[in-house]
PDB file of all heavy atoms in Angstrom:
ATOM      1  N   THR A   1      -5.403   0.754 -23.064  1.00  0.00           N
ATOM      2  CA  THR A   1      -4.783   1.386 -21.902  1.00  0.00           C
ATOM      3  C   THR A   1      -4.992   2.893 -21.962  1.00  0.00           C
ATOM      4  O   THR A   1      -5.296   3.444 -23.029  1.00  0.00           O
ATOM      5  CB  THR A   1      -3.270   1.118 -21.887  1.00  0.00           C
ATOM      6  OG1 THR A   1      -2.695   1.738 -23.064  1.00  0.00           O
ATOM      7  CG2 THR A   1      -2.951  -0.366 -21.866  1.00  0.00           C
ATOM      8  N   PRO A   2      -4.793   3.561 -20.843  1.00  0.00           N
ATOM      9  CA  PRO A   2      -4.867   5.025 -20.859  1.00  0.00           C
ATOM     10  C   PRO A   2      -3.882   5.624 -21.862  1.00  0.00           C
ATOM     11  O   PRO A   2      -4.211   6.584 -22.561  1.00  0.00           O
ATOM     12  CB  PRO A   2      -4.510   5.424 -19.424  1.00  0.00           C
ATOM     13  CG  PRO A   2      -4.863   4.232 -18.608  1.00  0.00           C
ATOM     14  CD  PRO A   2      -4.598   3.045 -19.485  1.00  0.00           C
ATOM     15  N   GLU A   3      -2.705   5.039 -21.961  1.00  0.00           N
ATOM     16  CA  GLU A   3      -1.695   5.535 -22.891  1.00  0.00           C
ATOM     17  C   GLU A   3      -2.178   5.432 -24.336  1.00  0.00           C
ATOM     18  O   GLU A   3      -2.000   6.352 -25.130  1.00  0.00           O
ATOM     19  CB  GLU A   3      -0.375   4.776 -22.714  1.00  0.00           C
ATOM     20  CG  GLU A   3       0.312   5.014 -21.383  1.00  0.00           C
ATOM     21  CD  GLU A   3      -0.286   4.246 -20.207  1.00  0.00           C
ATOM     22  OE1 GLU A   3      -1.076   3.303 -20.422  1.00  0.00           O
ATOM     23  OE2 GLU A   3       0.022   4.602 -19.060  1.00  0.00           O
ATOM     24  N   ARG A   4      -2.786   4.312 -24.649  1.00  0.00           N
ATOM     25  CA  ARG A   4      -3.288   4.114 -26.009  1.00  0.00           C
ATOM     26  C   ARG A   4      -4.446   5.061 -26.324  1.00  0.00           C
ATOM     27  O   ARG A   4      -4.508   5.636 -27.410  1.00  0.00           O
ATOM     28  CB  ARG A   4      -3.740   2.670 -26.181  1.00  0.00           C
ATOM     29  CG  ARG A   4      -4.244   2.389 -27.569  1.00  0.00           C
ATOM     30  CD  ARG A   4      -4.422   0.911 -27.784  1.00  0.00           C
ATOM     31  NE  ARG A   4      -5.475   0.703 -28.755  1.00  0.00           N
ATOM     32  CZ  ARG A   4      -6.132  -0.414 -28.885  1.00  0.00           C
ATOM     33  NH1 ARG A   4      -5.855  -1.445 -28.106  1.00  0.00           N
ATOM     34  NH2 ARG A   4      -7.070  -0.537 -29.795  1.00  0.00           N
ATOM     35  N   ILE A   5      -5.351   5.231 -25.385  1.00  0.00           N
ATOM     36  CA  ILE A   5      -6.485   6.139 -25.585  1.00  0.00           C
ATOM     37  C   ILE A   5      -5.982   7.564 -25.773  1.00  0.00           C
ATOM     38  O   ILE A   5      -6.413   8.269 -26.685  1.00  0.00           O
ATOM     39  CB  ILE A   5      -7.469   6.060 -24.402  1.00  0.00           C
ATOM     40  CG1 ILE A   5      -8.109   4.669 -24.333  1.00  0.00           C
ATOM     41  CG2 ILE A   5      -8.539   7.144 -24.526  1.00  0.00           C
ATOM     42  CD1 ILE A   5      -8.883   4.404 -23.060  1.00  0.00           C
ATOM     43  N   ALA A   6      -5.050   7.981 -24.920  1.00  0.00           N
ATOM     44  CA  ALA A   6      -4.505   9.338 -25.020  1.00  0.00           C
ATOM     45  C   ALA A   6      -3.785   9.541 -26.349  1.00  0.00           C
ATOM     46  O   ALA A   6      -3.991  10.550 -27.028  1.00  0.00           O
ATOM     47  CB  ALA A   6      -3.557   9.604 -23.854  1.00  0.00           C
ATOM     48  N   ALA A   7      -2.959   8.585 -26.739  1.00  0.00           N
ATOM     49  CA  ALA A   7      -2.213   8.708 -27.998  1.00  0.00           C
ATOM     50  C   ALA A   7      -3.167   8.789 -29.187  1.00  0.00           C
ATOM     51  O   ALA A   7      -2.944   9.574 -30.117  1.00  0.00           O
ATOM     52  CB  ALA A   7      -1.258   7.532 -28.159  1.00  0.00           C
ATOM     53  N   GLU A   8      -4.209   8.018 -29.156  1.00  0.00           N
ATOM     54  CA  GLU A   8      -5.185   8.011 -30.247  1.00  0.00           C
ATOM     55  C   GLU A   8      -5.860   9.377 -30.413  1.00  0.00           C
ATOM     56  O   GLU A   8      -6.279   9.741 -31.502  1.00  0.00           O
ATOM     57  CB  GLU A   8      -6.247   6.937 -29.988  1.00  0.00           C
ATOM     58  CG  GLU A   8      -7.222   6.749 -31.103  1.00  0.00           C
ATOM     59  CD  GLU A   8      -6.607   6.194 -32.373  1.00  0.00           C
ATOM     60  OE1 GLU A   8      -5.617   5.453 -32.293  1.00  0.00           O
ATOM     61  OE2 GLU A   8      -7.143   6.501 -33.451  1.00  0.00           O
ATOM     62  N   HIS A   9      -5.916  10.135 -29.324  1.00  0.00           N
ATOM     63  CA  HIS A   9      -6.574  11.440 -29.358  1.00  0.00           C
ATOM     64  C   HIS A   9      -5.588  12.600 -29.264  1.00  0.00           C
ATOM     65  O   HIS A   9      -5.987  13.751 -29.069  1.00  0.00           O
ATOM     66  CB  HIS A   9      -7.616  11.508 -28.245  1.00  0.00           C
ATOM     67  CG  HIS A   9      -8.736  10.547 -28.494  1.00  0.00           C
ATOM     68  ND1 HIS A   9      -8.679   9.234 -28.071  1.00  0.00           N
ATOM     69  CD2 HIS A   9      -9.887  10.674 -29.188  1.00  0.00           C
ATOM     70  CE1 HIS A   9      -9.773   8.618 -28.473  1.00  0.00           C
ATOM     71  NE2 HIS A   9     -10.520   9.467 -29.150  1.00  0.00           N
ATOM     72  N   ALA A  10      -4.305  12.276 -29.407  1.00  0.00           N
ATOM     73  CA  ALA A  10      -3.233  13.283 -29.414  1.00  0.00           C
ATOM     74  C   ALA A  10      -3.261  14.179 -28.176  1.00  0.00           C
ATOM     75  O   ALA A  10      -3.114  15.396 -28.254  1.00  0.00           O
ATOM     76  CB  ALA A  10      -3.296  14.120 -30.688  1.00  0.00           C
ATOM     77  N   ILE A  11      -3.457  13.522 -27.026  1.00  0.00           N
ATOM     78  CA  ILE A  11      -3.398  14.234 -25.753  1.00  0.00           C
ATOM     79  C   ILE A  11      -2.507  13.441 -24.800  1.00  0.00           C
ATOM     80  O   ILE A  11      -2.218  12.267 -25.038  1.00  0.00           O
ATOM     81  CB  ILE A  11      -4.804  14.434 -25.120  1.00  0.00           C
ATOM     82  CG1 ILE A  11      -5.491  13.077 -24.846  1.00  0.00           C
ATOM     83  CG2 ILE A  11      -5.670  15.337 -26.004  1.00  0.00           C
ATOM     84  CD1 ILE A  11      -6.817  13.185 -24.113  1.00  0.00           C
ATOM     85  N   SER A  12      -2.103  14.074 -23.732  1.00  0.00           N
ATOM     86  CA  SER A  12      -1.298  13.369 -22.736  1.00  0.00           C
ATOM     87  C   SER A  12      -2.201  12.511 -21.857  1.00  0.00           C
ATOM     88  O   SER A  12      -3.418  12.744 -21.779  1.00  0.00           O
ATOM     89  CB  SER A  12      -0.544  14.367 -21.859  1.00  0.00           C
ATOM     90  OG  SER A  12      -1.460  15.079 -21.035  1.00  0.00           O
ATOM     91  N   VAL A  13      -1.614  11.551 -21.202  1.00  0.00           N
ATOM     92  CA  VAL A  13      -2.364  10.719 -20.269  1.00  0.00           C
ATOM     93  C   VAL A  13      -2.917  11.596 -19.144  1.00  0.00           C
ATOM     94  O   VAL A  13      -4.063  11.426 -18.723  1.00  0.00           O
ATOM     95  CB  VAL A  13      -1.483   9.574 -19.714  1.00  0.00           C
ATOM     96  CG1 VAL A  13      -2.196   8.811 -18.622  1.00  0.00           C
ATOM     97  CG2 VAL A  13      -1.063   8.636 -20.838  1.00  0.00           C
ATOM     98  N   ARG A  14      -2.128  12.540 -18.717  1.00  0.00           N
ATOM     99  CA  ARG A  14      -2.592  13.457 -17.674  1.00  0.00           C
ATOM    100  C   ARG A  14      -3.836  14.210 -18.135  1.00  0.00           C
ATOM    101  O   ARG A  14      -4.801  14.344 -17.392  1.00  0.00           O
ATOM    102  CB  ARG A  14      -1.489  14.440 -17.301  1.00  0.00           C
ATOM    103  CG  ARG A  14      -1.944  15.384 -16.231  1.00  0.00           C
ATOM    104  CD  ARG A  14      -0.860  16.293 -15.772  1.00  0.00           C
ATOM    105  NE  ARG A  14      -1.451  17.146 -14.740  1.00  0.00           N
ATOM    106  CZ  ARG A  14      -0.924  18.208 -14.282  1.00  0.00           C
ATOM    107  NH1 ARG A  14       0.255  18.599 -14.698  1.00  0.00           N
ATOM    108  NH2 ARG A  14      -1.535  18.926 -13.356  1.00  0.00           N
ATOM    109  N   ARG A  15      -3.808  14.696 -19.370  1.00  0.00           N
ATOM    110  CA  ARG A  15      -4.961  15.420 -19.915  1.00  0.00           C
ATOM    111  C   ARG A  15      -6.176  14.502 -19.997  1.00  0.00           C
ATOM    112  O   ARG A  15      -7.309  14.911 -19.730  1.00  0.00           O
ATOM    113  CB  ARG A  15      -4.622  15.997 -21.298  1.00  0.00           C
ATOM    114  CG  ARG A  15      -5.760  16.687 -21.976  1.00  0.00           C
ATOM    115  CD  ARG A  15      -6.028  18.052 -21.310  1.00  0.00           C
ATOM    116  NE  ARG A  15      -7.189  18.655 -21.893  1.00  0.00           N
ATOM    117  CZ  ARG A  15      -8.359  18.795 -21.275  1.00  0.00           C
ATOM    118  NH1 ARG A  15      -8.493  18.402 -20.027  1.00  0.00           N
ATOM    119  NH2 ARG A  15      -9.380  19.347 -21.874  1.00  0.00           N
ATOM    120  N   LEU A  16      -5.961  13.251 -20.353  1.00  0.00           N
ATOM    121  CA  LEU A  16      -7.045  12.274 -20.407  1.00  0.00           C
ATOM    122  C   LEU A  16      -7.698  12.125 -19.042  1.00  0.00           C
ATOM    123  O   LEU A  16      -8.919  12.191 -18.907  1.00  0.00           O
ATOM    124  CB  LEU A  16      -6.521  10.923 -20.897  1.00  0.00           C
ATOM    125  CG  LEU A  16      -7.523   9.764 -20.866  1.00  0.00           C
ATOM    126  CD1 LEU A  16      -8.673  10.006 -21.838  1.00  0.00           C
ATOM    127  CD2 LEU A  16      -6.804   8.454 -21.179  1.00  0.00           C
ATOM    128  N   TYR A  17      -6.867  11.928 -18.017  1.00  0.00           N
ATOM    129  CA  TYR A  17      -7.405  11.765 -16.669  1.00  0.00           C
ATOM    130  C   TYR A  17      -8.108  13.027 -16.181  1.00  0.00           C
ATOM    131  O   TYR A  17      -9.143  12.945 -15.513  1.00  0.00           O
ATOM    132  CB  TYR A  17      -6.310  11.337 -15.694  1.00  0.00           C
ATOM    133  CG  TYR A  17      -6.024   9.856 -15.758  1.00  0.00           C
ATOM    134  CD1 TYR A  17      -4.807   9.382 -16.217  1.00  0.00           C
ATOM    135  CD2 TYR A  17      -6.974   8.916 -15.362  1.00  0.00           C
ATOM    136  CE1 TYR A  17      -4.540   8.025 -16.277  1.00  0.00           C
ATOM    137  CE2 TYR A  17      -6.714   7.564 -15.423  1.00  0.00           C
ATOM    138  CZ  TYR A  17      -5.503   7.118 -15.874  1.00  0.00           C
ATOM    139  OH  TYR A  17      -5.250   5.777 -15.935  1.00  0.00           O
ATOM    140  N   LEU A  18      -7.595  14.192 -16.513  1.00  0.00           N
ATOM    141  CA  LEU A  18      -8.255  15.442 -16.132  1.00  0.00           C
ATOM    142  C   LEU A  18      -9.609  15.578 -16.823  1.00  0.00           C
ATOM    143  O   LEU A  18     -10.593  15.988 -16.212  1.00  0.00           O
ATOM    144  CB  LEU A  18      -7.369  16.647 -16.457  1.00  0.00           C
ATOM    145  CG  LEU A  18      -6.176  16.865 -15.529  1.00  0.00           C
ATOM    146  CD1 LEU A  18      -5.263  17.966 -16.089  1.00  0.00           C
ATOM    147  CD2 LEU A  18      -6.650  17.217 -14.128  1.00  0.00           C
ATOM    148  N   LEU A  19      -9.644  15.250 -18.089  1.00  0.00           N
ATOM    149  CA  LEU A  19     -10.880  15.313 -18.863  1.00  0.00           C
ATOM    150  C   LEU A  19     -11.947  14.423 -18.230  1.00  0.00           C
ATOM    151  O   LEU A  19     -13.094  14.837 -18.025  1.00  0.00           O
ATOM    152  CB  LEU A  19     -10.601  14.877 -20.302  1.00  0.00           C
ATOM    153  CG  LEU A  19     -11.783  14.811 -21.253  1.00  0.00           C
ATOM    154  CD1 LEU A  19     -12.244  16.218 -21.622  1.00  0.00           C
ATOM    155  CD2 LEU A  19     -11.389  14.041 -22.509  1.00  0.00           C
ATOM    156  N   LEU A  20     -11.562  13.200 -17.921  1.00  0.00           N
ATOM    157  CA  LEU A  20     -12.508  12.256 -17.319  1.00  0.00           C
ATOM    158  C   LEU A  20     -12.897  12.669 -15.910  1.00  0.00           C
ATOM    159  O   LEU A  20     -14.063  12.569 -15.523  1.00  0.00           O
ATOM    160  CB  LEU A  20     -11.926  10.848 -17.342  1.00  0.00           C
ATOM    161  CG  LEU A  20     -11.760  10.259 -18.740  1.00  0.00           C
ATOM    162  CD1 LEU A  20     -10.900   9.014 -18.707  1.00  0.00           C
ATOM    163  CD2 LEU A  20     -13.105   9.965 -19.366  1.00  0.00           C
ATOM    164  N   SER A  21     -11.941  13.151 -15.154  1.00  0.00           N
ATOM    165  CA  SER A  21     -12.216  13.601 -13.802  1.00  0.00           C
ATOM    166  C   SER A  21     -13.214  14.764 -13.797  1.00  0.00           C
ATOM    167  O   SER A  21     -14.141  14.802 -12.980  1.00  0.00           O
ATOM    168  CB  SER A  21     -10.920  14.028 -13.108  1.00  0.00           C
ATOM    169  OG  SER A  21     -11.181  14.527 -11.824  1.00  0.00           O
ATOM    170  N   ASP A  22     -13.037  15.690 -14.723  1.00  0.00           N
ATOM    171  CA  ASP A  22     -13.968  16.818 -14.840  1.00  0.00           C
ATOM    172  C   ASP A  22     -15.384  16.349 -15.156  1.00  0.00           C
ATOM    173  O   ASP A  22     -16.353  17.023 -14.817  1.00  0.00           O
ATOM    174  CB  ASP A  22     -13.497  17.803 -15.912  1.00  0.00           C
ATOM    175  CG  ASP A  22     -12.279  18.607 -15.483  1.00  0.00           C
ATOM    176  OD1 ASP A  22     -11.923  18.580 -14.282  1.00  0.00           O
ATOM    177  OD2 ASP A  22     -11.674  19.257 -16.364  1.00  0.00           O
ATOM    178  N   ALA A  23     -15.494  15.202 -15.813  1.00  0.00           N
ATOM    179  CA  ALA A  23     -16.800  14.625 -16.141  1.00  0.00           C
ATOM    180  C   ALA A  23     -17.303  13.701 -15.030  1.00  0.00           C
ATOM    181  O   ALA A  23     -18.361  13.077 -15.160  1.00  0.00           O
ATOM    182  CB  ALA A  23     -16.717  13.860 -17.451  1.00  0.00           C
ATOM    183  N   GLY A  24     -16.530  13.589 -13.951  1.00  0.00           N
ATOM    184  CA  GLY A  24     -16.920  12.741 -12.833  1.00  0.00           C
ATOM    185  C   GLY A  24     -16.703  11.258 -13.086  1.00  0.00           C
ATOM    186  O   GLY A  24     -17.376  10.423 -12.492  1.00  0.00           O
ATOM    187  N   LEU A  25     -15.748  10.945 -13.953  1.00  0.00           N
ATOM    188  CA  LEU A  25     -15.489   9.547 -14.309  1.00  0.00           C
ATOM    189  C   LEU A  25     -14.109   9.092 -13.869  1.00  0.00           C
ATOM    190  O   LEU A  25     -13.143   9.836 -13.985  1.00  0.00           O
ATOM    191  CB  LEU A  25     -15.584   9.364 -15.822  1.00  0.00           C
ATOM    192  CG  LEU A  25     -16.927   9.640 -16.478  1.00  0.00           C
ATOM    193  CD1 LEU A  25     -16.789   9.606 -17.992  1.00  0.00           C
ATOM    194  CD2 LEU A  25     -17.964   8.637 -16.027  1.00  0.00           C
ATOM    195  N   SER A  26     -14.040   7.860 -13.415  1.00  0.00           N
ATOM    196  CA  SER A  26     -12.777   7.160 -13.201  1.00  0.00           C
ATOM    197  C   SER A  26     -12.606   6.252 -14.409  1.00  0.00           C
ATOM    198  O   SER A  26     -13.483   5.424 -14.694  1.00  0.00           O
ATOM    199  CB  SER A  26     -12.843   6.320 -11.924  1.00  0.00           C
ATOM    200  OG  SER A  26     -11.908   5.269 -11.957  1.00  0.00           O
ATOM    201  N   LEU A  27     -11.513   6.390 -15.143  1.00  0.00           N
ATOM    202  CA  LEU A  27     -11.317   5.607 -16.359  1.00  0.00           C
ATOM    203  C   LEU A  27     -11.439   4.117 -16.094  1.00  0.00           C
ATOM    204  O   LEU A  27     -12.178   3.411 -16.788  1.00  0.00           O
ATOM    205  CB  LEU A  27      -9.967   5.930 -17.012  1.00  0.00           C
ATOM    206  CG  LEU A  27      -9.663   5.167 -18.297  1.00  0.00           C
ATOM    207  CD1 LEU A  27     -10.711   5.447 -19.371  1.00  0.00           C
ATOM    208  CD2 LEU A  27      -8.273   5.499 -18.795  1.00  0.00           C
ATOM    209  N   GLU A  28     -10.745   3.624 -15.106  1.00  0.00           N
ATOM    210  CA  GLU A  28     -10.758   2.188 -14.826  1.00  0.00           C
ATOM    211  C   GLU A  28     -12.168   1.696 -14.506  1.00  0.00           C
ATOM    212  O   GLU A  28     -12.632   0.709 -15.076  1.00  0.00           O
ATOM    213  CB  GLU A  28      -9.817   1.850 -13.670  1.00  0.00           C
ATOM    214  CG  GLU A  28      -9.810   0.376 -13.337  1.00  0.00           C
ATOM    215  CD  GLU A  28      -8.933   0.032 -12.142  1.00  0.00           C
ATOM    216  OE1 GLU A  28      -8.491   0.930 -11.420  1.00  0.00           O
ATOM    217  OE2 GLU A  28      -8.711  -1.161 -11.954  1.00  0.00           O
ATOM    218  N   GLN A  29     -12.857   2.383 -13.620  1.00  0.00           N
ATOM    219  CA  GLN A  29     -14.200   1.952 -13.239  1.00  0.00           C
ATOM    220  C   GLN A  29     -15.188   2.084 -14.389  1.00  0.00           C
ATOM    221  O   GLN A  29     -16.057   1.235 -14.575  1.00  0.00           O
ATOM    222  CB  GLN A  29     -14.685   2.724 -12.010  1.00  0.00           C
ATOM    223  CG  GLN A  29     -13.939   2.364 -10.752  1.00  0.00           C
ATOM    224  CD  GLN A  29     -13.915   0.859 -10.501  1.00  0.00           C
ATOM    225  OE1 GLN A  29     -14.940   0.188 -10.500  1.00  0.00           O
ATOM    226  NE2 GLN A  29     -12.724   0.307 -10.313  1.00  0.00           N
ATOM    227  N   TRP A  30     -15.042   3.153 -15.180  1.00  0.00           N
ATOM    228  CA  TRP A  30     -15.929   3.336 -16.319  1.00  0.00           C
ATOM    229  C   TRP A  30     -15.731   2.205 -17.337  1.00  0.00           C
ATOM    230  O   TRP A  30     -16.705   1.649 -17.844  1.00  0.00           O
ATOM    231  CB  TRP A  30     -15.696   4.709 -16.967  1.00  0.00           C
ATOM    232  CG  TRP A  30     -16.591   4.939 -18.139  1.00  0.00           C
ATOM    233  CD1 TRP A  30     -17.921   5.280 -18.105  1.00  0.00           C
ATOM    234  CD2 TRP A  30     -16.241   4.798 -19.515  1.00  0.00           C
ATOM    235  NE1 TRP A  30     -18.408   5.359 -19.388  1.00  0.00           N
ATOM    236  CE2 TRP A  30     -17.396   5.070 -20.283  1.00  0.00           C
ATOM    237  CE3 TRP A  30     -15.067   4.479 -20.181  1.00  0.00           C
ATOM    238  CZ2 TRP A  30     -17.413   5.038 -21.669  1.00  0.00           C
ATOM    239  CZ3 TRP A  30     -15.077   4.443 -21.569  1.00  0.00           C
ATOM    240  CH2 TRP A  30     -16.247   4.725 -22.290  1.00  0.00           C
ATOM    241  N   LEU A  31     -14.471   1.854 -17.616  1.00  0.00           N
ATOM    242  CA  LEU A  31     -14.198   0.756 -18.555  1.00  0.00           C
ATOM    243  C   LEU A  31     -14.767  -0.563 -18.039  1.00  0.00           C
ATOM    244  O   LEU A  31     -15.362  -1.330 -18.810  1.00  0.00           O
ATOM    245  CB  LEU A  31     -12.699   0.615 -18.814  1.00  0.00           C
ATOM    246  CG  LEU A  31     -12.069   1.667 -19.708  1.00  0.00           C
ATOM    247  CD1 LEU A  31     -10.555   1.488 -19.755  1.00  0.00           C
ATOM    248  CD2 LEU A  31     -12.660   1.627 -21.102  1.00  0.00           C
ATOM    249  N   ILE A  32     -14.603  -0.821 -16.763  1.00  0.00           N
ATOM    250  CA  ILE A  32     -15.147  -2.063 -16.192  1.00  0.00           C
ATOM    251  C   ILE A  32     -16.664  -2.077 -16.309  1.00  0.00           C
ATOM    252  O   ILE A  32     -17.264  -3.085 -16.723  1.00  0.00           O
ATOM    253  CB  ILE A  32     -14.694  -2.245 -14.725  1.00  0.00           C
ATOM    254  CG1 ILE A  32     -13.203  -2.598 -14.688  1.00  0.00           C
ATOM    255  CG2 ILE A  32     -15.515  -3.326 -14.026  1.00  0.00           C
ATOM    256  CD1 ILE A  32     -12.594  -2.571 -13.310  1.00  0.00           C
ATOM    257  N   THR A  33     -17.304  -0.974 -15.997  1.00  0.00           N
ATOM    258  CA  THR A  33     -18.758  -0.883 -16.106  1.00  0.00           C
ATOM    259  C   THR A  33     -19.216  -1.104 -17.541  1.00  0.00           C
ATOM    260  O   THR A  33     -20.178  -1.839 -17.792  1.00  0.00           O
ATOM    261  CB  THR A  33     -19.245   0.487 -15.587  1.00  0.00           C
ATOM    262  OG1 THR A  33     -18.868   0.619 -14.214  1.00  0.00           O
ATOM    263  CG2 THR A  33     -20.745   0.639 -15.720  1.00  0.00           C
ATOM    264  N   GLU A  34     -18.531  -0.487 -18.487  1.00  0.00           N
ATOM    265  CA  GLU A  34     -18.871  -0.659 -19.905  1.00  0.00           C
ATOM    266  C   GLU A  34     -18.643  -2.096 -20.361  1.00  0.00           C
ATOM    267  O   GLU A  34     -19.448  -2.661 -21.111  1.00  0.00           O
ATOM    268  CB  GLU A  34     -18.049   0.295 -20.773  1.00  0.00           C
ATOM    269  CG  GLU A  34     -18.433   1.746 -20.604  1.00  0.00           C
ATOM    270  CD  GLU A  34     -19.838   2.059 -21.112  1.00  0.00           C
ATOM    271  OE1 GLU A  34     -20.181   1.637 -22.229  1.00  0.00           O
ATOM    272  OE2 GLU A  34     -20.572   2.743 -20.389  1.00  0.00           O
ATOM    273  N   ARG A  35     -17.565  -2.699 -19.911  1.00  0.00           N
ATOM    274  CA  ARG A  35     -17.271  -4.094 -20.289  1.00  0.00           C
ATOM    275  C   ARG A  35     -18.303  -5.044 -19.693  1.00  0.00           C
ATOM    276  O   ARG A  35     -18.735  -5.992 -20.348  1.00  0.00           O
ATOM    277  CB  ARG A  35     -15.860  -4.470 -19.859  1.00  0.00           C
ATOM    278  CG  ARG A  35     -14.811  -3.858 -20.766  1.00  0.00           C
ATOM    279  CD  ARG A  35     -13.410  -4.080 -20.276  1.00  0.00           C
ATOM    280  NE  ARG A  35     -12.461  -3.761 -21.356  1.00  0.00           N
ATOM    281  CZ  ARG A  35     -11.197  -3.495 -21.157  1.00  0.00           C
ATOM    282  NH1 ARG A  35     -10.677  -3.521 -19.936  1.00  0.00           N
ATOM    283  NH2 ARG A  35     -10.419  -3.212 -22.186  1.00  0.00           N
ATOM    284  N   LEU A  36     -18.711  -4.801 -18.463  1.00  0.00           N
ATOM    285  CA  LEU A  36     -19.735  -5.634 -17.842  1.00  0.00           C
ATOM    286  C   LEU A  36     -21.072  -5.479 -18.562  1.00  0.00           C
ATOM    287  O   LEU A  36     -21.800  -6.461 -18.754  1.00  0.00           O
ATOM    288  CB  LEU A  36     -19.878  -5.300 -16.360  1.00  0.00           C
ATOM    289  CG  LEU A  36     -18.706  -5.716 -15.477  1.00  0.00           C
ATOM    290  CD1 LEU A  36     -18.875  -5.143 -14.070  1.00  0.00           C
ATOM    291  CD2 LEU A  36     -18.548  -7.224 -15.442  1.00  0.00           C
ATOM    292  N   ALA A  37     -21.401  -4.266 -18.969  1.00  0.00           N
ATOM    293  CA  ALA A  37     -22.645  -4.042 -19.713  1.00  0.00           C
ATOM    294  C   ALA A  37     -22.606  -4.764 -21.057  1.00  0.00           C
ATOM    295  O   ALA A  37     -23.607  -5.352 -21.493  1.00  0.00           O
ATOM    296  CB  ALA A  37     -22.879  -2.543 -19.905  1.00  0.00           C
ATOM    297  N   LYS A  38     -21.461  -4.737 -21.708  1.00  0.00           N
ATOM    298  CA  LYS A  38     -21.300  -5.472 -22.973  1.00  0.00           C
ATOM    299  C   LYS A  38     -21.491  -6.965 -22.724  1.00  0.00           C
ATOM    300  O   LYS A  38     -22.175  -7.644 -23.488  1.00  0.00           O
ATOM    301  CB  LYS A  38     -19.923  -5.200 -23.578  1.00  0.00           C
ATOM    302  CG  LYS A  38     -19.667  -5.957 -24.866  1.00  0.00           C
ATOM    303  CD  LYS A  38     -18.299  -5.663 -25.444  1.00  0.00           C
ATOM    304  CE  LYS A  38     -18.082  -6.472 -26.719  1.00  0.00           C
ATOM    305  NZ  LYS A  38     -16.784  -6.174 -27.329  1.00  0.00           N
ATOM    306  N   ALA A  39     -20.896  -7.468 -21.653  1.00  0.00           N
ATOM    307  CA  ALA A  39     -21.031  -8.892 -21.318  1.00  0.00           C
ATOM    308  C   ALA A  39     -22.490  -9.239 -21.056  1.00  0.00           C
ATOM    309  O   ALA A  39     -22.975 -10.289 -21.507  1.00  0.00           O
ATOM    310  CB  ALA A  39     -20.180  -9.227 -20.100  1.00  0.00           C
ATOM    311  N   ARG A  40     -23.194  -8.372 -20.386  1.00  0.00           N
ATOM    312  CA  ARG A  40     -24.612  -8.629 -20.104  1.00  0.00           C
ATOM    313  C   ARG A  40     -25.414  -8.715 -21.403  1.00  0.00           C
ATOM    314  O   ARG A  40     -26.277  -9.576 -21.548  1.00  0.00           O
ATOM    315  CB  ARG A  40     -25.170  -7.541 -19.197  1.00  0.00           C
ATOM    316  CG  ARG A  40     -26.562  -7.844 -18.727  1.00  0.00           C
ATOM    317  CD  ARG A  40     -27.030  -6.822 -17.734  1.00  0.00           C
ATOM    318  NE  ARG A  40     -28.209  -7.318 -17.063  1.00  0.00           N
ATOM    319  CZ  ARG A  40     -29.077  -6.562 -16.459  1.00  0.00           C
ATOM    320  NH1 ARG A  40     -28.897  -5.251 -16.408  1.00  0.00           N
ATOM    321  NH2 ARG A  40     -30.129  -7.069 -15.871  1.00  0.00           N
ATOM    322  N   ARG A  41     -25.113  -7.828 -22.346  1.00  0.00           N
ATOM    323  CA  ARG A  41     -25.800  -7.883 -23.647  1.00  0.00           C
ATOM    324  C   ARG A  41     -25.483  -9.194 -24.369  1.00  0.00           C
ATOM    325  O   ARG A  41     -26.374  -9.814 -24.960  1.00  0.00           O
ATOM    326  CB  ARG A  41     -25.407  -6.686 -24.508  1.00  0.00           C
ATOM    327  CG  ARG A  41     -25.986  -5.376 -24.026  1.00  0.00           C
ATOM    328  CD  ARG A  41     -25.761  -4.238 -24.998  1.00  0.00           C
ATOM    329  NE  ARG A  41     -24.360  -3.957 -25.277  1.00  0.00           N
ATOM    330  CZ  ARG A  41     -23.589  -3.156 -24.557  1.00  0.00           C
ATOM    331  NH1 ARG A  41     -24.060  -2.549 -23.482  1.00  0.00           N
ATOM    332  NH2 ARG A  41     -22.327  -2.957 -24.914  1.00  0.00           N
ATOM    333  N   ILE A  42     -24.232  -9.610 -24.317  1.00  0.00           N
ATOM    334  CA  ILE A  42     -23.852 -10.873 -24.955  1.00  0.00           C
ATOM    335  C   ILE A  42     -24.570 -12.044 -24.299  1.00  0.00           C
ATOM    336  O   ILE A  42     -25.120 -12.912 -24.984  1.00  0.00           O
ATOM    337  CB  ILE A  42     -22.315 -11.072 -24.906  1.00  0.00           C
ATOM    338  CG1 ILE A  42     -21.631 -10.087 -25.862  1.00  0.00           C
ATOM    339  CG2 ILE A  42     -21.936 -12.512 -25.244  1.00  0.00           C
ATOM    340  CD1 ILE A  42     -20.112 -10.057 -25.742  1.00  0.00           C
ATOM    341  N   LEU A  43     -24.579 -12.056 -22.985  1.00  0.00           N
ATOM    342  CA  LEU A  43     -25.201 -13.160 -22.265  1.00  0.00           C
ATOM    343  C   LEU A  43     -26.714 -13.203 -22.483  1.00  0.00           C
ATOM    344  O   LEU A  43     -27.324 -14.266 -22.384  1.00  0.00           O
ATOM    345  CB  LEU A  43     -24.878 -13.071 -20.772  1.00  0.00           C
ATOM    346  CG  LEU A  43     -23.420 -13.331 -20.414  1.00  0.00           C
ATOM    347  CD1 LEU A  43     -23.162 -12.974 -18.962  1.00  0.00           C
ATOM    348  CD2 LEU A  43     -23.037 -14.767 -20.700  1.00  0.00           C
TER     349      LEU A  43
END
């Protein structure tokens, strides 16, 4: 979750979303894309 990712890096969830936004990323969509790519490699 965003909370878990933020806690692991000692930042707030807000800071996490700002960091990703500055990089042009949506956390949810990026995770889905990465998970689908992993699934494609498995398949």
